[in-house]
Amino acid sequence: MGIIVHTPTRNYGDFKVTHFGDMTEKILPFFEKYPLQGNKLLDLSDFCKVAGIIKVKSHLTQSGLEQICQIKSGMNRGRD
């Protein structure tokens, strides 16, 4: 499913998912069951849109790639 990468200089680690199927079938459903709050919920929603584009392989087209770039530009600090 993934690996935990500990950051020795900080008091946390990162969980890295190595397979797209694990992310769409395990990680994203977890956050549907236990939703985030605030701006992180909006970013997760955008991330799910991108995952949907990738799942149907539209990211392999120019228009799909442009959609992903548009969504990405509005995430995190790019959000109004």
PDB file of N, CA and C in Angstrom:
ATOM      1  N   MET A   1       0.820  -1.191   0.000  1.00  0.00           N
ATOM      2  CA  MET A   1       0.000   0.000   0.000  1.00  0.00           C
ATOM      3  C   MET A   1       0.858   1.246   0.000  1.00  0.00           C
ATOM      4  N   GLY A   2       1.887   1.299   0.801  1.00  0.00           N
ATOM      5  CA  GLY A   2       2.742   2.464   0.856  1.00  0.00           C
ATOM      6  C   GLY A   2       3.820   2.272   1.891  1.00  0.00           C
ATOM      7  N   ILE A   3       4.619   3.317   2.068  1.00  0.00           N
ATOM      8  CA  ILE A   3       5.691   3.255   3.055  1.00  0.00           C
ATOM      9  C   ILE A   3       5.685   4.532   3.892  1.00  0.00           C
ATOM     10  N   ILE A   4       6.181   4.418   5.115  1.00  0.00           N
ATOM     11  CA  ILE A   4       6.339   5.576   5.990  1.00  0.00           C
ATOM     12  C   ILE A   4       7.795   6.002   5.920  1.00  0.00           C
ATOM     13  N   VAL A   5       8.006   7.259   5.601  1.00  0.00           N
ATOM     14  CA  VAL A   5       9.350   7.809   5.528  1.00  0.00           C
ATOM     15  C   VAL A   5       9.512   8.778   6.686  1.00  0.00           C
ATOM     16  N   HIS A   6      10.380   8.418   7.626  1.00  0.00           N
ATOM     17  CA  HIS A   6      10.609   9.258   8.807  1.00  0.00           C
ATOM     18  C   HIS A   6      11.580  10.378   8.446  1.00  0.00           C
ATOM     19  N   THR A   7      11.289  11.585   8.897  1.00  0.00           N
ATOM     20  CA  THR A   7      12.161  12.727   8.698  1.00  0.00           C
ATOM     21  C   THR A   7      12.953  12.932   9.990  1.00  0.00           C
ATOM     22  N   PRO A   8      14.235  12.592  10.008  1.00  0.00           N
ATOM     23  CA  PRO A   8      14.997  12.615  11.262  1.00  0.00           C
ATOM     24  C   PRO A   8      15.138  13.997  11.893  1.00  0.00           C
ATOM     25  N   THR A   9      15.109  15.058  11.096  1.00  0.00           N
ATOM     26  CA  THR A   9      15.279  16.399  11.654  1.00  0.00           C
ATOM     27  C   THR A   9      13.968  17.012  12.133  1.00  0.00           C
ATOM     28  N   ARG A  10      12.877  16.310  11.928  1.00  0.00           N
ATOM     29  CA  ARG A  10      11.566  16.813  12.344  1.00  0.00           C
ATOM     30  C   ARG A  10      10.825  15.728  13.098  1.00  0.00           C
ATOM     31  N   ASN A  11       9.775  16.107  13.765  1.00  0.00           N
ATOM     32  CA  ASN A  11       9.027  15.170  14.598  1.00  0.00           C
ATOM     33  C   ASN A  11       7.807  14.616  13.854  1.00  0.00           C
ATOM     34  N   TYR A  12       7.999  14.216  12.601  1.00  0.00           N
ATOM     35  CA  TYR A  12       6.912  13.623  11.834  1.00  0.00           C
ATOM     36  C   TYR A  12       7.499  12.784  10.706  1.00  0.00           C
ATOM     37  N   GLY A  13       6.644  12.108   9.993  1.00  0.00           N
ATOM     38  CA  GLY A  13       7.049  11.332   8.832  1.00  0.00           C
ATOM     39  C   GLY A  13       6.040  11.529   7.723  1.00  0.00           C
ATOM     40  N   ASP A  14       6.354  11.015   6.569  1.00  0.00           N
ATOM     41  CA  ASP A  14       5.465  11.086   5.417  1.00  0.00           C
ATOM     42  C   ASP A  14       5.023   9.671   5.059  1.00  0.00           C
ATOM     43  N   PHE A  15       3.780   9.548   4.632  1.00  0.00           N
ATOM     44  CA  PHE A  15       3.281   8.271   4.140  1.00  0.00           C
ATOM     45  C   PHE A  15       3.233   8.373   2.632  1.00  0.00           C
ATOM     46  N   LYS A  16       3.991   7.548   1.947  1.00  0.00           N
ATOM     47  CA  LYS A  16       4.068   7.597   0.491  1.00  0.00           C
ATOM     48  C   LYS A  16       3.317   6.415  -0.104  1.00  0.00           C
ATOM     49  N   VAL A  17       2.296   6.713  -0.881  1.00  0.00           N
ATOM     50  CA  VAL A  17       1.509   5.690  -1.570  1.00  0.00           C
ATOM     51  C   VAL A  17       2.217   5.385  -2.884  1.00  0.00           C
ATOM     52  N   THR A  18       2.424   4.102  -3.159  1.00  0.00           N
ATOM     53  CA  THR A  18       3.213   3.732  -4.322  1.00  0.00           C
ATOM     54  C   THR A  18       2.374   3.277  -5.517  1.00  0.00           C
ATOM     55  N   HIS A  19       1.101   2.991  -5.332  1.00  0.00           N
ATOM     56  CA  HIS A  19       0.244   2.536  -6.428  1.00  0.00           C
ATOM     57  C   HIS A  19      -1.014   3.403  -6.498  1.00  0.00           C
ATOM     58  N   PHE A  20      -1.350   3.830  -7.708  1.00  0.00           N
ATOM     59  CA  PHE A  20      -2.524   4.681  -7.910  1.00  0.00           C
ATOM     60  C   PHE A  20      -3.795   4.001  -7.411  1.00  0.00           C
ATOM     61  N   GLY A  21      -3.928   2.707  -7.641  1.00  0.00           N
ATOM     62  CA  GLY A  21      -5.109   1.967  -7.204  1.00  0.00           C
ATOM     63  C   GLY A  21      -5.280   1.996  -5.692  1.00  0.00           C
ATOM     64  N   ASP A  22      -4.175   1.930  -4.953  1.00  0.00           N
ATOM     65  CA  ASP A  22      -4.255   2.013  -3.489  1.00  0.00           C
ATOM     66  C   ASP A  22      -4.793   3.369  -3.051  1.00  0.00           C
ATOM     67  N   MET A  23      -4.379   4.405  -3.768  1.00  0.00           N
ATOM     68  CA  MET A  23      -4.833   5.740  -3.402  1.00  0.00           C
ATOM     69  C   MET A  23      -6.340   5.878  -3.645  1.00  0.00           C
ATOM     70  N   THR A  24      -6.808   5.407  -4.806  1.00  0.00           N
ATOM     71  CA  THR A  24      -8.224   5.599  -5.139  1.00  0.00           C
ATOM     72  C   THR A  24      -9.139   4.630  -4.405  1.00  0.00           C
ATOM     73  N   GLU A  25      -8.611   3.451  -4.039  1.00  0.00           N
ATOM     74  CA  GLU A  25      -9.458   2.439  -3.403  1.00  0.00           C
ATOM     75  C   GLU A  25      -9.349   2.407  -1.886  1.00  0.00           C
ATOM     76  N   LYS A  26      -8.276   2.965  -1.316  1.00  0.00           N
ATOM     77  CA  LYS A  26      -8.073   2.889   0.135  1.00  0.00           C
ATOM     78  C   LYS A  26      -7.934   4.256   0.801  1.00  0.00           C
ATOM     79  N   ILE A  27      -7.071   5.098   0.271  1.00  0.00           N
ATOM     80  CA  ILE A  27      -6.781   6.389   0.909  1.00  0.00           C
ATOM     81  C   ILE A  27      -7.954   7.357   0.753  1.00  0.00           C
ATOM     82  N   LEU A  28      -8.405   7.575  -0.474  1.00  0.00           N
ATOM     83  CA  LEU A  28      -9.503   8.529  -0.690  1.00  0.00           C
ATOM     84  C   LEU A  28     -10.799   8.096   0.001  1.00  0.00           C
ATOM     85  N   PRO A  29     -11.179   6.808  -0.013  1.00  0.00           N
ATOM     86  CA  PRO A  29     -12.368   6.411   0.748  1.00  0.00           C
ATOM     87  C   PRO A  29     -12.225   6.662   2.255  1.00  0.00           C
ATOM     88  N   PHE A  30     -11.006   6.558   2.780  1.00  0.00           N
ATOM     89  CA  PHE A  30     -10.789   6.868   4.196  1.00  0.00           C
ATOM     90  C   PHE A  30     -11.175   8.308   4.486  1.00  0.00           C
ATOM     91  N   PHE A  31     -10.769   9.229   3.595  1.00  0.00           N
ATOM     92  CA  PHE A  31     -11.090  10.636   3.808  1.00  0.00           C
ATOM     93  C   PHE A  31     -12.549  10.953   3.502  1.00  0.00           C
ATOM     94  N   GLU A  32     -13.229  10.101   2.759  1.00  0.00           N
ATOM     95  CA  GLU A  32     -14.675  10.265   2.597  1.00  0.00           C
ATOM     96  C   GLU A  32     -15.382   9.893   3.900  1.00  0.00           C
ATOM     97  N   LYS A  33     -14.871   8.857   4.555  1.00  0.00           N
ATOM     98  CA  LYS A  33     -15.459   8.411   5.817  1.00  0.00           C
ATOM     99  C   LYS A  33     -15.120   9.358   6.964  1.00  0.00           C
ATOM    100  N   TYR A  34     -13.902   9.880   6.962  1.00  0.00           N
ATOM    101  CA  TYR A  34     -13.420  10.795   8.004  1.00  0.00           C
ATOM    102  C   TYR A  34     -12.958  12.083   7.323  1.00  0.00           C
ATOM    103  N   PRO A  35     -13.903  12.969   6.990  1.00  0.00           N
ATOM    104  CA  PRO A  35     -13.566  14.142   6.182  1.00  0.00           C
ATOM    105  C   PRO A  35     -12.673  15.154   6.905  1.00  0.00           C
ATOM    106  N   LEU A  36     -11.861  15.804   6.098  1.00  0.00           N
ATOM    107  CA  LEU A  36     -11.052  16.911   6.576  1.00  0.00           C
ATOM    108  C   LEU A  36     -11.949  18.122   6.757  1.00  0.00           C
ATOM    109  N   GLN A  37     -11.393  19.176   7.354  1.00  0.00           N
ATOM    110  CA  GLN A  37     -12.166  20.395   7.554  1.00  0.00           C
ATOM    111  C   GLN A  37     -11.390  21.581   7.005  1.00  0.00           C
ATOM    112  N   GLY A  38     -12.104  22.644   6.715  1.00  0.00           N
ATOM    113  CA  GLY A  38     -11.481  23.880   6.266  1.00  0.00           C
ATOM    114  C   GLY A  38     -10.947  23.783   4.845  1.00  0.00           C
ATOM    115  N   ASN A  39      -9.872  24.542   4.590  1.00  0.00           N
ATOM    116  CA  ASN A  39      -9.289  24.594   3.252  1.00  0.00           C
ATOM    117  C   ASN A  39      -8.745  23.249   2.797  1.00  0.00           C
ATOM    118  N   LYS A  40      -8.309  22.414   3.734  1.00  0.00           N
ATOM    119  CA  LYS A  40      -7.789  21.095   3.358  1.00  0.00           C
ATOM    120  C   LYS A  40      -8.876  20.249   2.686  1.00  0.00           C
ATOM    121  N   LEU A  41     -10.128  20.426   3.100  1.00  0.00           N
ATOM    122  CA  LEU A  41     -11.229  19.709   2.464  1.00  0.00           C
ATOM    123  C   LEU A  41     -11.380  20.149   1.009  1.00  0.00           C
ATOM    124  N   LEU A  42     -11.219  21.452   0.758  1.00  0.00           N
ATOM    125  CA  LEU A  42     -11.307  21.962  -0.611  1.00  0.00           C
ATOM    126  C   LEU A  42     -10.171  21.422  -1.468  1.00  0.00           C
ATOM    127  N   ASP A  43      -8.956  21.355  -0.891  1.00  0.00           N
ATOM    128  CA  ASP A  43      -7.818  20.805  -1.620  1.00  0.00           C
ATOM    129  C   ASP A  43      -8.020  19.322  -1.904  1.00  0.00           C
ATOM    130  N   LEU A  44      -8.558  18.585  -0.950  1.00  0.00           N
ATOM    131  CA  LEU A  44      -8.829  17.165  -1.163  1.00  0.00           C
ATOM    132  C   LEU A  44      -9.865  16.982  -2.274  1.00  0.00           C
ATOM    133  N   SER A  45     -10.857  17.837  -2.301  1.00  0.00           N
ATOM    134  CA  SER A  45     -11.873  17.773  -3.350  1.00  0.00           C
ATOM    135  C   SER A  45     -11.233  17.972  -4.723  1.00  0.00           C
ATOM    136  N   ASP A  46     -10.338  18.946  -4.823  1.00  0.00           N
ATOM    137  CA  ASP A  46      -9.628  19.172  -6.083  1.00  0.00           C
ATOM    138  C   ASP A  46      -8.748  17.977  -6.430  1.00  0.00           C
ATOM    139  N   PHE A  47      -8.088  17.408  -5.434  1.00  0.00           N
ATOM    140  CA  PHE A  47      -7.241  16.236  -5.648  1.00  0.00           C
ATOM    141  C   PHE A  47      -8.071  15.069  -6.176  1.00  0.00           C
ATOM    142  N   CYS A  48      -9.277  14.908  -5.651  1.00  0.00           N
ATOM    143  CA  CYS A  48     -10.169  13.841  -6.116  1.00  0.00           C
ATOM    144  C   CYS A  48     -10.585  14.066  -7.565  1.00  0.00           C
ATOM    145  N   LYS A  49     -10.774  15.325  -7.958  1.00  0.00           N
ATOM    146  CA  LYS A  49     -11.098  15.627  -9.356  1.00  0.00           C
ATOM    147  C   LYS A  49      -9.954  15.190 -10.263  1.00  0.00           C
ATOM    148  N   VAL A  50      -8.733  15.509  -9.855  1.00  0.00           N
ATOM    149  CA  VAL A  50      -7.557  15.118 -10.646  1.00  0.00           C
ATOM    150  C   VAL A  50      -7.443  13.597 -10.697  1.00  0.00           C
ATOM    151  N   ALA A  51      -7.665  12.936  -9.574  1.00  0.00           N
ATOM    152  CA  ALA A  51      -7.607  11.471  -9.546  1.00  0.00           C
ATOM    153  C   ALA A  51      -8.642  10.881 -10.506  1.00  0.00           C
ATOM    154  N   GLY A  52      -9.811  11.491 -10.587  1.00  0.00           N
ATOM    155  CA  GLY A  52     -10.838  11.030 -11.517  1.00  0.00           C
ATOM    156  C   GLY A  52     -10.402  11.190 -12.971  1.00  0.00           C
ATOM    157  N   ILE A  53      -9.726  12.287 -13.268  1.00  0.00           N
ATOM    158  CA  ILE A  53      -9.213  12.518 -14.625  1.00  0.00           C
ATOM    159  C   ILE A  53      -8.170  11.458 -14.970  1.00  0.00           C
ATOM    160  N   ILE A  54      -7.304  11.160 -14.015  1.00  0.00           N
ATOM    161  CA  ILE A  54      -6.262  10.161 -14.246  1.00  0.00           C
ATOM    162  C   ILE A  54      -6.868   8.767 -14.364  1.00  0.00           C
ATOM    163  N   LYS A  55      -7.866   8.482 -13.552  1.00  0.00           N
ATOM    164  CA  LYS A  55      -8.477   7.145 -13.550  1.00  0.00           C
ATOM    165  C   LYS A  55      -9.054   6.772 -14.912  1.00  0.00           C
ATOM    166  N   VAL A  56      -9.632   7.746 -15.598  1.00  0.00           N
ATOM    167  CA  VAL A  56     -10.202   7.470 -16.923  1.00  0.00           C
ATOM    168  C   VAL A  56      -9.201   7.762 -18.044  1.00  0.00           C
ATOM    169  N   LYS A  57      -7.950   8.008 -17.642  1.00  0.00           N
ATOM    170  CA  LYS A  57      -6.824   8.209 -18.565  1.00  0.00           C
ATOM    171  C   LYS A  57      -6.948   9.461 -19.428  1.00  0.00           C
ATOM    172  N   SER A  58      -7.751  10.422 -19.002  1.00  0.00           N
ATOM    173  CA  SER A  58      -7.859  11.681 -19.746  1.00  0.00           C
ATOM    174  C   SER A  58      -6.609  12.541 -19.587  1.00  0.00           C
ATOM    175  N   HIS A  59      -5.790  12.237 -18.589  1.00  0.00           N
ATOM    176  CA  HIS A  59      -4.551  12.998 -18.396  1.00  0.00           C
ATOM    177  C   HIS A  59      -3.566  12.772 -19.547  1.00  0.00           C
ATOM    178  N   LEU A  60      -3.837  11.774 -20.378  1.00  0.00           N
ATOM    179  CA  LEU A  60      -2.972  11.487 -21.519  1.00  0.00           C
ATOM    180  C   LEU A  60      -3.288  12.373 -22.723  1.00  0.00           C
ATOM    181  N   THR A  61      -4.352  13.165 -22.628  1.00  0.00           N
ATOM    182  CA  THR A  61      -4.710  14.095 -23.700  1.00  0.00           C
ATOM    183  C   THR A  61      -4.310  15.506 -23.300  1.00  0.00           C
ATOM    184  N   GLN A  62      -4.171  16.356 -24.291  1.00  0.00           N
ATOM    185  CA  GLN A  62      -3.802  17.750 -24.022  1.00  0.00           C
ATOM    186  C   GLN A  62      -4.870  18.445 -23.175  1.00  0.00           C
ATOM    187  N   SER A  63      -6.145  18.215 -23.491  1.00  0.00           N
ATOM    188  CA  SER A  63      -7.210  18.887 -22.731  1.00  0.00           C
ATOM    189  C   SER A  63      -7.266  18.375 -21.294  1.00  0.00           C
ATOM    190  N   GLY A  64      -7.025  17.082 -21.085  1.00  0.00           N
ATOM    191  CA  GLY A  64      -6.996  16.550 -19.732  1.00  0.00           C
ATOM    192  C   GLY A  64      -5.855  17.119 -18.928  1.00  0.00           C
ATOM    193  N   LEU A  65      -4.693  17.241 -19.566  1.00  0.00           N
ATOM    194  CA  LEU A  65      -3.541  17.825 -18.894  1.00  0.00           C
ATOM    195  C   LEU A  65      -3.795  19.290 -18.545  1.00  0.00           C
ATOM    196  N   GLU A  66      -4.438  20.007 -19.432  1.00  0.00           N
ATOM    197  CA  GLU A  66      -4.782  21.402 -19.155  1.00  0.00           C
ATOM    198  C   GLU A  66      -5.765  21.504 -17.991  1.00  0.00           C
ATOM    199  N   GLN A  67      -6.728  20.577 -17.931  1.00  0.00           N
ATOM    200  CA  GLN A  67      -7.665  20.556 -16.799  1.00  0.00           C
ATOM    201  C   GLN A  67      -6.916  20.370 -15.483  1.00  0.00           C
ATOM    202  N   ILE A  68      -5.983  19.434 -15.476  1.00  0.00           N
ATOM    203  CA  ILE A  68      -5.205  19.167 -14.259  1.00  0.00           C
ATOM    204  C   ILE A  68      -4.402  20.396 -13.859  1.00  0.00           C
ATOM    205  N   CYS A  69      -3.767  21.042 -14.823  1.00  0.00           N
ATOM    206  CA  CYS A  69      -2.991  22.253 -14.521  1.00  0.00           C
ATOM    207  C   CYS A  69      -3.882  23.359 -13.971  1.00  0.00           C
ATOM    208  N   GLN A  70      -5.087  23.486 -14.524  1.00  0.00           N
ATOM    209  CA  GLN A  70      -6.035  24.502 -14.044  1.00  0.00           C
ATOM    210  C   GLN A  70      -6.447  24.210 -12.599  1.00  0.00           C
ATOM    211  N   ILE A  71      -6.751  22.960 -12.307  1.00  0.00           N
ATOM    212  CA  ILE A  71      -7.136  22.580 -10.944  1.00  0.00           C
ATOM    213  C   ILE A  71      -5.975  22.813  -9.996  1.00  0.00           C
ATOM    214  N   LYS A  72      -4.778  22.395 -10.397  1.00  0.00           N
ATOM    215  CA  LYS A  72      -3.585  22.537  -9.552  1.00  0.00           C
ATOM    216  C   LYS A  72      -3.298  23.995  -9.226  1.00  0.00           C
ATOM    217  N   SER A  73      -3.506  24.884 -10.190  1.00  0.00           N
ATOM    218  CA  SER A  73      -3.208  26.304  -9.971  1.00  0.00           C
ATOM    219  C   SER A  73      -4.116  26.914  -8.892  1.00  0.00           C
ATOM    220  N   GLY A  74      -5.270  26.301  -8.644  1.00  0.00           N
ATOM    221  CA  GLY A  74      -6.178  26.829  -7.639  1.00  0.00           C
ATOM    222  C   GLY A  74      -6.073  26.143  -6.287  1.00  0.00           C
ATOM    223  N   MET A  75      -5.155  25.192  -6.173  1.00  0.00           N
ATOM    224  CA  MET A  75      -5.019  24.461  -4.908  1.00  0.00           C
ATOM    225  C   MET A  75      -4.052  25.181  -3.965  1.00  0.00           C
ATOM    226  N   ASN A  76      -4.147  24.819  -2.696  1.00  0.00           N
ATOM    227  CA  ASN A  76      -3.260  25.326  -1.639  1.00  0.00           C
ATOM    228  C   ASN A  76      -3.248  26.837  -1.611  1.00  0.00           C
ATOM    229  N   ARG A  77      -2.113  27.456  -1.819  1.00  0.00           N
ATOM    230  CA  ARG A  77      -2.023  28.921  -1.716  1.00  0.00           C
ATOM    231  C   ARG A  77      -2.607  29.641  -2.910  1.00  0.00           C
ATOM    232  N   GLY A  78      -2.921  28.903  -3.980  1.00  0.00           N
ATOM    233  CA  GLY A  78      -3.525  29.507  -5.171  1.00  0.00           C
ATOM    234  C   GLY A  78      -5.017  29.718  -5.046  1.00  0.00           C
ATOM    235  N   ARG A  79      -5.596  29.239  -3.943  1.00  0.00           N
ATOM    236  CA  ARG A  79      -7.038  29.356  -3.727  1.00  0.00           C
ATOM    237  C   ARG A  79      -7.378  30.769  -3.265  1.00  0.00           C
ATOM    238  N   ASP A  80      -8.453  31.333  -3.829  1.00  0.00           N
ATOM    239  CA  ASP A  80      -8.892  32.689  -3.431  1.00  0.00           C
ATOM    240  C   ASP A  80      -9.574  32.674  -2.104  1.00  0.00           C
TER     241      ASP A  80
END
